PDB file of N, CA and C in Angstrom:
ATOM      1  N   MET A   1      86.823 121.573  93.267  1.00  0.00           N
ATOM      2  CA  MET A   1      85.527 121.410  93.906  1.00  0.00           C
ATOM      3  C   MET A   1      84.713 122.661  93.577  1.00  0.00           C
ATOM      4  N   ASN A   2      83.607 122.465  92.935  1.00  0.00           N
ATOM      5  CA  ASN A   2      82.730 123.564  92.590  1.00  0.00           C
ATOM      6  C   ASN A   2      81.655 123.687  93.645  1.00  0.00           C
ATOM      7  N   THR A   3      81.872 124.543  94.607  1.00  0.00           N
ATOM      8  CA  THR A   3      80.914 124.697  95.695  1.00  0.00           C
ATOM      9  C   THR A   3      80.249 126.053  95.590  1.00  0.00           C
ATOM     10  N   SER A   4      78.965 126.047  95.853  1.00  0.00           N
ATOM     11  CA  SER A   4      78.199 127.283  95.761  1.00  0.00           C
ATOM     12  C   SER A   4      78.182 127.999  97.106  1.00  0.00           C
ATOM     13  N   ALA A   5      77.689 129.217  97.067  1.00  0.00           N
ATOM     14  CA  ALA A   5      77.549 129.983  98.302  1.00  0.00           C
ATOM     15  C   ALA A   5      76.584 129.275  99.251  1.00  0.00           C
ATOM     16  N   GLN A   6      75.579 128.581  98.681  1.00  0.00           N
ATOM     17  CA  GLN A   6      74.621 127.839  99.498  1.00  0.00           C
ATOM     18  C   GLN A   6      75.316 126.694 100.233  1.00  0.00           C
ATOM     19  N   ASP A   7      76.250 126.008  99.549  1.00  0.00           N
ATOM     20  CA  ASP A   7      76.995 124.926 100.191  1.00  0.00           C
ATOM     21  C   ASP A   7      77.760 125.443 101.404  1.00  0.00           C
ATOM     22  N   TRP A   8      78.436 126.585 101.259  1.00  0.00           N
ATOM     23  CA  TRP A   8      79.201 127.156 102.372  1.00  0.00           C
ATOM     24  C   TRP A   8      78.266 127.621 103.473  1.00  0.00           C
ATOM     25  N   SER A   9      77.121 128.169 103.082  1.00  0.00           N
ATOM     26  CA  SER A   9      76.142 128.597 104.077  1.00  0.00           C
ATOM     27  C   SER A   9      75.609 127.396 104.866  1.00  0.00           C
ATOM     28  N   ASP A  10      75.361 126.295 104.167  1.00  0.00           N
ATOM     29  CA  ASP A  10      74.907 125.072 104.838  1.00  0.00           C
ATOM     30  C   ASP A  10      75.971 124.559 105.802  1.00  0.00           C
ATOM     31  N   ARG A  11      77.200 124.573 105.375  1.00  0.00           N
ATOM     32  CA  ARG A  11      78.300 124.121 106.236  1.00  0.00           C
ATOM     33  C   ARG A  11      78.420 125.018 107.464  1.00  0.00           C
ATOM     34  N   LYS A  12      78.323 126.325 107.239  1.00  0.00           N
ATOM     35  CA  LYS A  12      78.421 127.264 108.352  1.00  0.00           C
ATOM     36  C   LYS A  12      77.284 127.014 109.343  1.00  0.00           C
ATOM     37  N   SER A  13      76.084 126.785 108.846  1.00  0.00           N
ATOM     38  CA  SER A  13      74.941 126.497 109.724  1.00  0.00           C
ATOM     39  C   SER A  13      75.168 125.220 110.513  1.00  0.00           C
ATOM     40  N   LYS A  14      75.711 124.206 109.842  1.00  0.00           N
ATOM     41  CA  LYS A  14      75.991 122.932 110.512  1.00  0.00           C
ATOM     42  C   LYS A  14      77.047 123.119 111.602  1.00  0.00           C
ATOM     43  N   LEU A  15      78.080 123.892 111.309  1.00  0.00           N
ATOM     44  CA  LEU A  15      79.132 124.159 112.290  1.00  0.00           C
ATOM     45  C   LEU A  15      78.583 124.940 113.487  1.00  0.00           C
ATOM     46  N   LEU A  16      77.760 125.938 113.219  1.00  0.00           N
ATOM     47  CA  LEU A  16      77.189 126.733 114.304  1.00  0.00           C
ATOM     48  C   LEU A  16      76.264 125.894 115.183  1.00  0.00           C
ATOM     49  N   ALA A  17      75.489 125.007 114.562  1.00  0.00           N
ATOM     50  CA  ALA A  17      74.593 124.137 115.330  1.00  0.00           C
ATOM     51  C   ALA A  17      75.395 123.191 116.209  1.00  0.00           C
ATOM     52  N   ARG A  18      76.466 122.623 115.665  1.00  0.00           N
ATOM     53  CA  ARG A  18      77.307 121.709 116.444  1.00  0.00           C
ATOM     54  C   ARG A  18      77.992 122.451 117.587  1.00  0.00           C
ATOM     55  N   ARG A  19      78.423 123.672 117.334  1.00  0.00           N
ATOM     56  CA  ARG A  19      79.066 124.484 118.376  1.00  0.00           C
ATOM     57  C   ARG A  19      78.093 124.732 119.527  1.00  0.00           C
ATOM     58  N   GLU A  20      76.866 125.098 119.190  1.00  0.00           N
ATOM     59  CA  GLU A  20      75.847 125.356 120.208  1.00  0.00           C
ATOM     60  C   GLU A  20      75.559 124.086 121.015  1.00  0.00           C
ATOM     61  N   GLU A  21      75.506 122.952 120.331  1.00  0.00           N
ATOM     62  CA  GLU A  21      75.280 121.665 121.004  1.00  0.00           C
ATOM     63  C   GLU A  21      76.400 121.353 121.997  1.00  0.00           C
ATOM     64  N   LEU A  22      77.640 121.584 121.587  1.00  0.00           N
ATOM     65  CA  LEU A  22      78.786 121.331 122.467  1.00  0.00           C
ATOM     66  C   LEU A  22      78.774 122.254 123.681  1.00  0.00           C
ATOM     67  N   ILE A  23      78.387 123.500 123.489  1.00  0.00           N
ATOM     68  CA  ILE A  23      78.330 124.445 124.606  1.00  0.00           C
ATOM     69  C   ILE A  23      77.247 124.024 125.600  1.00  0.00           C
ATOM     70  N   LYS A  24      76.104 123.564 125.106  1.00  0.00           N
ATOM     71  CA  LYS A  24      75.046 123.080 126.004  1.00  0.00           C
ATOM     72  C   LYS A  24      75.504 121.846 126.767  1.00  0.00           C
ATOM     73  N   LEU A  25      76.190 120.930 126.080  1.00  0.00           N
ATOM     74  CA  LEU A  25      76.722 119.742 126.756  1.00  0.00           C
ATOM     75  C   LEU A  25      77.735 120.128 127.822  1.00  0.00           C
ATOM     76  N   ALA A  26      78.529 121.150 127.552  1.00  0.00           N
ATOM     77  CA  ALA A  26      79.523 121.604 128.526  1.00  0.00           C
ATOM     78  C   ALA A  26      78.846 122.104 129.793  1.00  0.00           C
ATOM     79  N   GLN A  27      77.745 122.805 129.645  1.00  0.00           N
ATOM     80  CA  GLN A  27      77.031 123.309 130.816  1.00  0.00           C
ATOM     81  C   GLN A  27      76.491 122.156 131.653  1.00  0.00           C
ATOM     82  N   ILE A  28      76.008 121.117 131.003  1.00  0.00           N
ATOM     83  CA  ILE A  28      75.490 119.942 131.708  1.00  0.00           C
ATOM     84  C   ILE A  28      76.632 119.172 132.370  1.00  0.00           C
ATOM     85  N   GLY A  29      77.748 119.028 131.652  1.00  0.00           N
ATOM     86  CA  GLY A  29      78.872 118.232 132.126  1.00  0.00           C
ATOM     87  C   GLY A  29      79.683 118.859 133.238  1.00  0.00           C
ATOM     88  N   ASN A  30      79.521 120.141 133.475  1.00  0.00           N
ATOM     89  CA  ASN A  30      80.298 120.815 134.515  1.00  0.00           C
ATOM     90  C   ASN A  30      80.014 120.252 135.905  1.00  0.00           C
ATOM     91  N   GLU A  31      78.816 119.784 136.133  1.00  0.00           N
ATOM     92  CA  GLU A  31      78.448 119.222 137.438  1.00  0.00           C
ATOM     93  C   GLU A  31      79.289 117.983 137.749  1.00  0.00           C
ATOM     94  N   ALA A  32      79.464 117.105 136.763  1.00  0.00           N
ATOM     95  CA  ALA A  32      80.216 115.873 136.989  1.00  0.00           C
ATOM     96  C   ALA A  32      81.705 116.120 137.155  1.00  0.00           C
ATOM     97  N   ALA A  33      82.205 117.233 136.657  1.00  0.00           N
ATOM     98  CA  ALA A  33      83.638 117.529 136.727  1.00  0.00           C
ATOM     99  C   ALA A  33      84.047 118.233 138.018  1.00  0.00           C
ATOM    100  N   ARG A  34      83.075 118.519 138.885  1.00  0.00           N
ATOM    101  CA  ARG A  34      83.393 119.176 140.149  1.00  0.00           C
ATOM    102  C   ARG A  34      84.304 118.304 141.006  1.00  0.00           C
ATOM    103  N   PRO A  35      85.080 118.920 141.904  1.00  0.00           N
ATOM    104  CA  PRO A  35      85.957 118.139 142.787  1.00  0.00           C
ATOM    105  C   PRO A  35      85.168 117.148 143.640  1.00  0.00           C
ATOM    106  N   VAL A  36      85.780 116.000 143.879  1.00  0.00           N
ATOM    107  CA  VAL A  36      85.158 114.942 144.672  1.00  0.00           C
ATOM    108  C   VAL A  36      85.375 115.237 146.155  1.00  0.00           C
ATOM    109  N   GLU A  37      84.314 115.094 146.935  1.00  0.00           N
ATOM    110  CA  GLU A  37      84.402 115.247 148.386  1.00  0.00           C
ATOM    111  C   GLU A  37      85.272 114.130 148.952  1.00  0.00           C
ATOM    112  N   LEU A  38      86.215 114.460 149.769  1.00  0.00           N
ATOM    113  CA  LEU A  38      87.075 113.452 150.372  1.00  0.00           C
ATOM    114  C   LEU A  38      86.706 113.192 151.832  1.00  0.00           C
ATOM    115  N   ASP A  39      85.518 113.578 152.210  1.00  0.00           N
ATOM    116  CA  ASP A  39      85.033 113.370 153.569  1.00  0.00           C
ATOM    117  C   ASP A  39      84.871 111.873 153.823  1.00  0.00           C
ATOM    118  N   GLN A  40      85.638 111.336 154.758  1.00  0.00           N
ATOM    119  CA  GLN A  40      85.633 109.909 155.067  1.00  0.00           C
ATOM    120  C   GLN A  40      84.262 109.422 155.528  1.00  0.00           C
ATOM    121  N   SER A  41      83.513 110.243 156.245  1.00  0.00           N
ATOM    122  CA  SER A  41      82.235 109.793 156.798  1.00  0.00           C
ATOM    123  C   SER A  41      81.109 109.847 155.768  1.00  0.00           C
ATOM    124  N   GLY A  42      81.288 110.616 154.714  1.00  0.00           N
ATOM    125  CA  GLY A  42      80.220 110.795 153.730  1.00  0.00           C
ATOM    126  C   GLY A  42      80.038 109.624 152.792  1.00  0.00           C
ATOM    127  N   MET A  43      81.113 108.914 152.477  1.00  0.00           N
ATOM    128  CA  MET A  43      81.022 107.781 151.554  1.00  0.00           C
ATOM    129  C   MET A  43      82.198 106.842 151.780  1.00  0.00           C
ATOM    130  N   GLY A  44      82.050 105.650 151.330  1.00  0.00           N
ATOM    131  CA  GLY A  44      83.110 104.657 151.477  1.00  0.00           C
ATOM    132  C   GLY A  44      84.230 104.868 150.475  1.00  0.00           C
ATOM    133  N   ARG A  45      85.314 104.130 150.674  1.00  0.00           N
ATOM    134  CA  ARG A  45      86.503 104.251 149.833  1.00  0.00           C
ATOM    135  C   ARG A  45      86.194 103.909 148.377  1.00  0.00           C
ATOM    136  N   ILE A  46      85.454 102.837 148.149  1.00  0.00           N
ATOM    137  CA  ILE A  46      85.121 102.422 146.781  1.00  0.00           C
ATOM    138  C   ILE A  46      84.248 103.475 146.106  1.00  0.00           C
ATOM    139  N   SER A  47      83.303 104.023 146.843  1.00  0.00           N
ATOM    140  CA  SER A  47      82.432 105.064 146.290  1.00  0.00           C
ATOM    141  C   SER A  47      83.229 106.303 145.906  1.00  0.00           C
ATOM    142  N   ARG A  48      84.212 106.666 146.744  1.00  0.00           N
ATOM    143  CA  ARG A  48      85.070 107.812 146.420  1.00  0.00           C
ATOM    144  C   ARG A  48      85.882 107.524 145.170  1.00  0.00           C
ATOM    145  N   MET A  49      86.395 106.299 145.054  1.00  0.00           N
ATOM    146  CA  MET A  49      87.178 105.934 143.870  1.00  0.00           C
ATOM    147  C   MET A  49      86.306 105.999 142.616  1.00  0.00           C
ATOM    148  N   ASP A  50      85.077 105.520 142.730  1.00  0.00           N
ATOM    149  CA  ASP A  50      84.149 105.610 141.599  1.00  0.00           C
ATOM    150  C   ASP A  50      83.876 107.066 141.241  1.00  0.00           C
ATOM    151  N   ALA A  51      83.651 107.885 142.256  1.00  0.00           N
ATOM    152  CA  ALA A  51      83.382 109.308 142.029  1.00  0.00           C
ATOM    153  C   ALA A  51      84.579 109.985 141.376  1.00  0.00           C
ATOM    154  N   MET A  52      85.774 109.611 141.788  1.00  0.00           N
ATOM    155  CA  MET A  52      86.988 110.196 141.203  1.00  0.00           C
ATOM    156  C   MET A  52      87.146 109.752 139.748  1.00  0.00           C
ATOM    157  N   GLN A  53      86.788 108.521 139.458  1.00  0.00           N
ATOM    158  CA  GLN A  53      86.860 108.035 138.075  1.00  0.00           C
ATOM    159  C   GLN A  53      85.840 108.775 137.198  1.00  0.00           C
ATOM    160  N   VAL A  54      84.637 108.958 137.700  1.00  0.00           N
ATOM    161  CA  VAL A  54      83.607 109.702 136.968  1.00  0.00           C
ATOM    162  C   VAL A  54      84.079 111.140 136.740  1.00  0.00           C
ATOM    163  N   GLN A  55      84.693 111.726 137.769  1.00  0.00           N
ATOM    164  CA  GLN A  55      85.206 113.088 137.640  1.00  0.00           C
ATOM    165  C   GLN A  55      86.279 113.160 136.550  1.00  0.00           C
ATOM    166  N   ALA A  56      87.203 112.198 136.533  1.00  0.00           N
ATOM    167  CA  ALA A  56      88.281 112.193 135.527  1.00  0.00           C
ATOM    168  C   ALA A  56      87.703 112.052 134.118  1.00  0.00           C
ATOM    169  N   MET A  57      86.701 111.192 133.963  1.00  0.00           N
ATOM    170  CA  MET A  57      86.083 111.028 132.651  1.00  0.00           C
ATOM    171  C   MET A  57      85.359 112.302 132.229  1.00  0.00           C
ATOM    172  N   ALA A  58      84.712 112.972 133.175  1.00  0.00           N
ATOM    173  CA  ALA A  58      84.017 114.219 132.878  1.00  0.00           C
ATOM    174  C   ALA A  58      85.008 115.317 132.478  1.00  0.00           C
ATOM    175  N   GLN A  59      86.154 115.361 133.157  1.00  0.00           N
ATOM    176  CA  GLN A  59      87.167 116.358 132.809  1.00  0.00           C
ATOM    177  C   GLN A  59      87.739 116.094 131.422  1.00  0.00           C
ATOM    178  N   ASP A  60      87.931 114.822 131.080  1.00  0.00           N
ATOM    179  CA  ASP A  60      88.421 114.467 129.747  1.00  0.00           C
ATOM    180  C   ASP A  60      87.394 114.841 128.680  1.00  0.00           C
ATOM    181  N   ALA A  61      86.132 114.553 128.949  1.00  0.00           N
ATOM    182  CA  ALA A  61      85.076 114.909 128.007  1.00  0.00           C
ATOM    183  C   ALA A  61      85.004 116.425 127.825  1.00  0.00           C
ATOM    184  N   LYS A  62      85.178 117.158 128.915  1.00  0.00           N
ATOM    185  CA  LYS A  62      85.166 118.616 128.858  1.00  0.00           C
ATOM    186  C   LYS A  62      86.301 119.130 127.970  1.00  0.00           C
ATOM    187  N   ALA A  63      87.484 118.552 128.132  1.00  0.00           N
ATOM    188  CA  ALA A  63      88.632 118.967 127.320  1.00  0.00           C
ATOM    189  C   ALA A  63      88.382 118.675 125.835  1.00  0.00           C
ATOM    190  N   ARG A  64      87.784 117.513 125.541  1.00  0.00           N
ATOM    191  CA  ARG A  64      87.474 117.175 124.143  1.00  0.00           C
ATOM    192  C   ARG A  64      86.428 118.126 123.565  1.00  0.00           C
ATOM    193  N   ARG A  65      85.413 118.478 124.372  1.00  0.00           N
ATOM    194  CA  ARG A  65      84.399 119.429 123.899  1.00  0.00           C
ATOM    195  C   ARG A  65      85.036 120.782 123.609  1.00  0.00           C
ATOM    196  N   GLU A  66      85.906 121.243 124.511  1.00  0.00           N
ATOM    197  CA  GLU A  66      86.568 122.539 124.309  1.00  0.00           C
ATOM    198  C   GLU A  66      87.425 122.519 123.043  1.00  0.00           C
ATOM    199  N   LEU A  67      88.111 121.415 122.804  1.00  0.00           N
ATOM    200  CA  LEU A  67      88.919 121.286 121.588  1.00  0.00           C
ATOM    201  C   LEU A  67      88.032 121.320 120.342  1.00  0.00           C
ATOM    202  N   ASN A  68      86.899 120.632 120.394  1.00  0.00           N
ATOM    203  CA  ASN A  68      85.988 120.631 119.253  1.00  0.00           C
ATOM    204  C   ASN A  68      85.392 122.008 119.001  1.00  0.00           C
ATOM    205  N   VAL A  69      85.074 122.742 120.063  1.00  0.00           N
ATOM    206  CA  VAL A  69      84.573 124.114 119.890  1.00  0.00           C
ATOM    207  C   VAL A  69      85.651 124.971 119.242  1.00  0.00           C
ATOM    208  N   GLN A  70      86.895 124.797 119.658  1.00  0.00           N
ATOM    209  CA  GLN A  70      88.005 125.552 119.066  1.00  0.00           C
ATOM    210  C   GLN A  70      88.177 125.196 117.586  1.00  0.00           C
ATOM    211  N   ARG A  71      88.069 123.911 117.251  1.00  0.00           N
ATOM    212  CA  ARG A  71      88.171 123.480 115.845  1.00  0.00           C
ATOM    213  C   ARG A  71      87.047 124.101 115.014  1.00  0.00           C
ATOM    214  N   ILE A  72      85.842 124.138 115.587  1.00  0.00           N
ATOM    215  CA  ILE A  72      84.701 124.720 114.878  1.00  0.00           C
ATOM    216  C   ILE A  72      84.907 126.226 114.703  1.00  0.00           C
ATOM    217  N   ASP A  73      85.367 126.903 115.745  1.00  0.00           N
ATOM    218  CA  ASP A  73      85.642 128.347 115.640  1.00  0.00           C
ATOM    219  C   ASP A  73      86.667 128.621 114.546  1.00  0.00           C
ATOM    220  N   ASN A  74      87.692 127.781 114.470  1.00  0.00           N
ATOM    221  CA  ASN A  74      88.707 127.942 113.427  1.00  0.00           C
ATOM    222  C   ASN A  74      88.122 127.709 112.042  1.00  0.00           C
ATOM    223  N   ALA A  75      87.237 126.718 111.903  1.00  0.00           N
ATOM    224  CA  ALA A  75      86.590 126.458 110.619  1.00  0.00           C
ATOM    225  C   ALA A  75      85.713 127.645 110.217  1.00  0.00           C
ATOM    226  N   LEU A  76      84.978 128.205 111.178  1.00  0.00           N
ATOM    227  CA  LEU A  76      84.150 129.375 110.886  1.00  0.00           C
ATOM    228  C   LEU A  76      85.006 130.558 110.449  1.00  0.00           C
ATOM    229  N   LEU A  77      86.152 130.713 111.072  1.00  0.00           N
ATOM    230  CA  LEU A  77      87.080 131.780 110.686  1.00  0.00           C
ATOM    231  C   LEU A  77      87.586 131.551 109.257  1.00  0.00           C
ATOM    232  N   ARG A  78      87.890 130.289 108.927  1.00  0.00           N
ATOM    233  CA  ARG A  78      88.343 129.976 107.569  1.00  0.00           C
ATOM    234  C   ARG A  78      87.242 130.254 106.543  1.00  0.00           C
ATOM    235  N   ILE A  79      85.983 130.027 106.912  1.00  0.00           N
ATOM    236  CA  ILE A  79      84.874 130.352 106.008  1.00  0.00           C
ATOM    237  C   ILE A  79      84.868 131.856 105.739  1.00  0.00           C
ATOM    238  N   GLU A  80      84.999 132.644 106.797  1.00  0.00           N
ATOM    239  CA  GLU A  80      84.998 134.105 106.649  1.00  0.00           C
ATOM    240  C   GLU A  80      86.177 134.590 105.810  1.00  0.00           C
ATOM    241  N   LYS A  81      87.338 133.951 105.969  1.00  0.00           N
ATOM    242  CA  LYS A  81      88.535 134.352 105.234  1.00  0.00           C
ATOM    243  C   LYS A  81      88.554 133.812 103.813  1.00  0.00           C
ATOM    244  N   GLY A  82      87.654 132.859 103.507  1.00  0.00           N
ATOM    245  CA  GLY A  82      87.617 132.282 102.169  1.00  0.00           C
ATOM    246  C   GLY A  82      88.596 131.146 101.965  1.00  0.00           C
ATOM    247  N   THR A  83      89.136 130.598 103.044  1.00  0.00           N
ATOM    248  CA  THR A  83      90.089 129.496 102.912  1.00  0.00           C
ATOM    249  C   THR A  83      89.511 128.161 103.373  1.00  0.00           C
ATOM    250  N   TYR A  84      88.232 128.164 103.726  1.00  0.00           N
ATOM    251  CA  TYR A  84      87.587 126.919 104.165  1.00  0.00           C
ATOM    252  C   TYR A  84      87.541 125.937 102.994  1.00  0.00           C
ATOM    253  N   GLY A  85      87.820 124.685 103.303  1.00  0.00           N
ATOM    254  CA  GLY A  85      87.810 123.649 102.277  1.00  0.00           C
ATOM    255  C   GLY A  85      89.156 123.439 101.625  1.00  0.00           C
ATOM    256  N   LEU A  86      90.141 124.234 102.034  1.00  0.00           N
ATOM    257  CA  LEU A  86      91.502 124.068 101.522  1.00  0.00           C
ATOM    258  C   LEU A  86      92.366 123.447 102.607  1.00  0.00           C
ATOM    259  N   CYS A  87      93.175 122.488 102.218  1.00  0.00           N
ATOM    260  CA  CYS A  87      94.080 121.820 103.145  1.00  0.00           C
ATOM    261  C   CYS A  87      95.076 122.842 103.705  1.00  0.00           C
ATOM    262  N   VAL A  88      95.274 122.813 105.016  1.00  0.00           N
ATOM    263  CA  VAL A  88      96.190 123.775 105.625  1.00  0.00           C
ATOM    264  C   VAL A  88      97.650 123.448 105.326  1.00  0.00           C
ATOM    265  N   ARG A  89      97.922 122.233 104.890  1.00  0.00           N
ATOM    266  CA  ARG A  89      99.311 121.857 104.568  1.00  0.00           C
ATOM    267  C   ARG A  89      99.654 122.107 103.109  1.00  0.00           C
ATOM    268  N   CYS A  90      98.880 121.499 102.193  1.00  0.00           N
ATOM    269  CA  CYS A  90      99.242 121.558 100.771  1.00  0.00           C
ATOM    270  C   CYS A  90      98.424 122.576  99.983  1.00  0.00           C
ATOM    271  N   LYS A  91      97.394 123.160 100.605  1.00  0.00           N
ATOM    272  CA  LYS A  91      96.525 124.180 100.009  1.00  0.00           C
ATOM    273  C   LYS A  91      95.628 123.639  98.895  1.00  0.00           C
ATOM    274  N   LYS A  92      95.560 122.295  98.721  1.00  0.00           N
ATOM    275  CA  LYS A  92      94.641 121.699  97.753  1.00  0.00           C
ATOM    276  C   LYS A  92      93.259 121.596  98.385  1.00  0.00           C
ATOM    277  N   GLU A  93      92.251 121.445  97.536  1.00  0.00           N
ATOM    278  CA  GLU A  93      90.886 121.351  98.034  1.00  0.00           C
ATOM    279  C   GLU A  93      90.665 120.024  98.758  1.00  0.00           C
ATOM    280  N   ILE A  94      89.950 120.113  99.867  1.00  0.00           N
ATOM    281  CA  ILE A  94      89.559 118.926 100.631  1.00  0.00           C
ATOM    282  C   ILE A  94      88.278 118.391 100.003  1.00  0.00           C
ATOM    283  N   SER A  95      88.184 117.087  99.854  1.00  0.00           N
ATOM    284  CA  SER A  95      87.012 116.503  99.200  1.00  0.00           C
ATOM    285  C   SER A  95      85.737 116.835  99.972  1.00  0.00           C
ATOM    286  N   PHE A  96      84.662 116.975  99.202  1.00  0.00           N
ATOM    287  CA  PHE A  96      83.366 117.303  99.791  1.00  0.00           C
ATOM    288  C   PHE A  96      82.930 116.216 100.774  1.00  0.00           C
ATOM    289  N   GLN A  97      83.212 114.950 100.459  1.00  0.00           N
ATOM    290  CA  GLN A  97      82.846 113.838 101.342  1.00  0.00           C
ATOM    291  C   GLN A  97      83.591 113.936 102.667  1.00  0.00           C
ATOM    292  N   ARG A  98      84.837 114.327 102.624  1.00  0.00           N
ATOM    293  CA  ARG A  98      85.635 114.463 103.846  1.00  0.00           C
ATOM    294  C   ARG A  98      85.089 115.601 104.716  1.00  0.00           C
ATOM    295  N   LEU A  99      84.701 116.687 104.079  1.00  0.00           N
ATOM    296  CA  LEU A  99      84.110 117.805 104.813  1.00  0.00           C
ATOM    297  C   LEU A  99      82.734 117.438 105.356  1.00  0.00           C
ATOM    298  N   ASP A 100      82.012 116.584 104.634  1.00  0.00           N
ATOM    299  CA  ASP A 100      80.721 116.113 105.150  1.00  0.00           C
ATOM    300  C   ASP A 100      80.920 115.300 106.416  1.00  0.00           C
ATOM    301  N   PHE A 101      81.954 114.473 106.427  1.00  0.00           N
ATOM    302  CA  PHE A 101      82.229 113.629 107.590  1.00  0.00           C
ATOM    303  C   PHE A 101      82.632 114.464 108.797  1.00  0.00           C
ATOM    304  N   ASP A 102      83.523 115.441 108.581  1.00  0.00           N
ATOM    305  CA  ASP A 102      83.974 116.323 109.662  1.00  0.00           C
ATOM    306  C   ASP A 102      84.136 117.735 109.094  1.00  0.00           C
ATOM    307  N   PRO A 103      83.129 118.587 109.267  1.00  0.00           N
ATOM    308  CA  PRO A 103      83.180 119.939 108.691  1.00  0.00           C
ATOM    309  C   PRO A 103      84.330 120.808 109.207  1.00  0.00           C
ATOM    310  N   ALA A 104      84.966 120.425 110.314  1.00  0.00           N
ATOM    311  CA  ALA A 104      86.060 121.221 110.875  1.00  0.00           C
ATOM    312  C   ALA A 104      87.425 120.633 110.509  1.00  0.00           C
ATOM    313  N   ILE A 105      87.455 119.690 109.593  1.00  0.00           N
ATOM    314  CA  ILE A 105      88.715 119.018 109.229  1.00  0.00           C
ATOM    315  C   ILE A 105      89.689 120.027 108.612  1.00  0.00           C
ATOM    316  N   LEU A 106      90.962 119.823 108.868  1.00  0.00           N
ATOM    317  CA  LEU A 106      91.992 120.771 108.410  1.00  0.00           C
ATOM    318  C   LEU A 106      92.765 120.307 107.187  1.00  0.00           C
ATOM    319  N   THR A 107      92.833 119.000 106.968  1.00  0.00           N
ATOM    320  CA  THR A 107      93.722 118.475 105.932  1.00  0.00           C
ATOM    321  C   THR A 107      92.978 117.592 104.928  1.00  0.00           C
ATOM    322  N   CYS A 108      93.540 117.510 103.735  1.00  0.00           N
ATOM    323  CA  CYS A 108      93.039 116.590 102.726  1.00  0.00           C
ATOM    324  C   CYS A 108      93.449 115.175 103.135  1.00  0.00           C
ATOM    325  N   ILE A 109      92.911 114.196 102.461  1.00  0.00           N
ATOM    326  CA  ILE A 109      93.188 112.804 102.824  1.00  0.00           C
ATOM    327  C   ILE A 109      94.669 112.463 102.627  1.00  0.00           C
ATOM    328  N   GLU A 110      95.285 113.015 101.622  1.00  0.00           N
ATOM    329  CA  GLU A 110      96.705 112.741 101.359  1.00  0.00           C
ATOM    330  C   GLU A 110      97.598 113.261 102.489  1.00  0.00           C
ATOM    331  N   CYS A 111      97.339 114.471 102.929  1.00  0.00           N
ATOM    332  CA  CYS A 111      98.158 115.041 104.007  1.00  0.00           C
ATOM    333  C   CYS A 111      97.853 114.376 105.353  1.00  0.00           C
ATOM    334  N   ALA A 112      96.643 113.853 105.507  1.00  0.00           N
ATOM    335  CA  ALA A 112      96.277 113.180 106.750  1.00  0.00           C
ATOM    336  C   ALA A 112      97.006 111.857 106.894  1.00  0.00           C
ATOM    337  N   LYS A 113      97.389 111.262 105.768  1.00  0.00           N
ATOM    338  CA  LYS A 113      98.115 109.982 105.808  1.00  0.00           C
ATOM    339  C   LYS A 113      99.478 110.202 106.384  1.00  0.00           C
TER     340      LYS A 113
END
């Protein structure tokens, strides 16, 4: 893969923008992940169950966002080290199309199988 410094700079910019987006979403999503009030007089049983389900979904979304931020941080580190775009298993180059689809991807298509 013949990639220029501009290509890596574009990828780094895309990764940084996505990271910032995830951090902003995390700040918004923290409200929904707060503990559910179990006060019997404040809401009915069904409403509490709905609130608990919303809370569980928010916590799951938060965990996925944190994982994606970690993947992006690792990709940025690989850019700095000069190993970005190389499969972490076989050390072969990851296709440009695969990196376009997910800039934080770790493996080539063969190793992903």
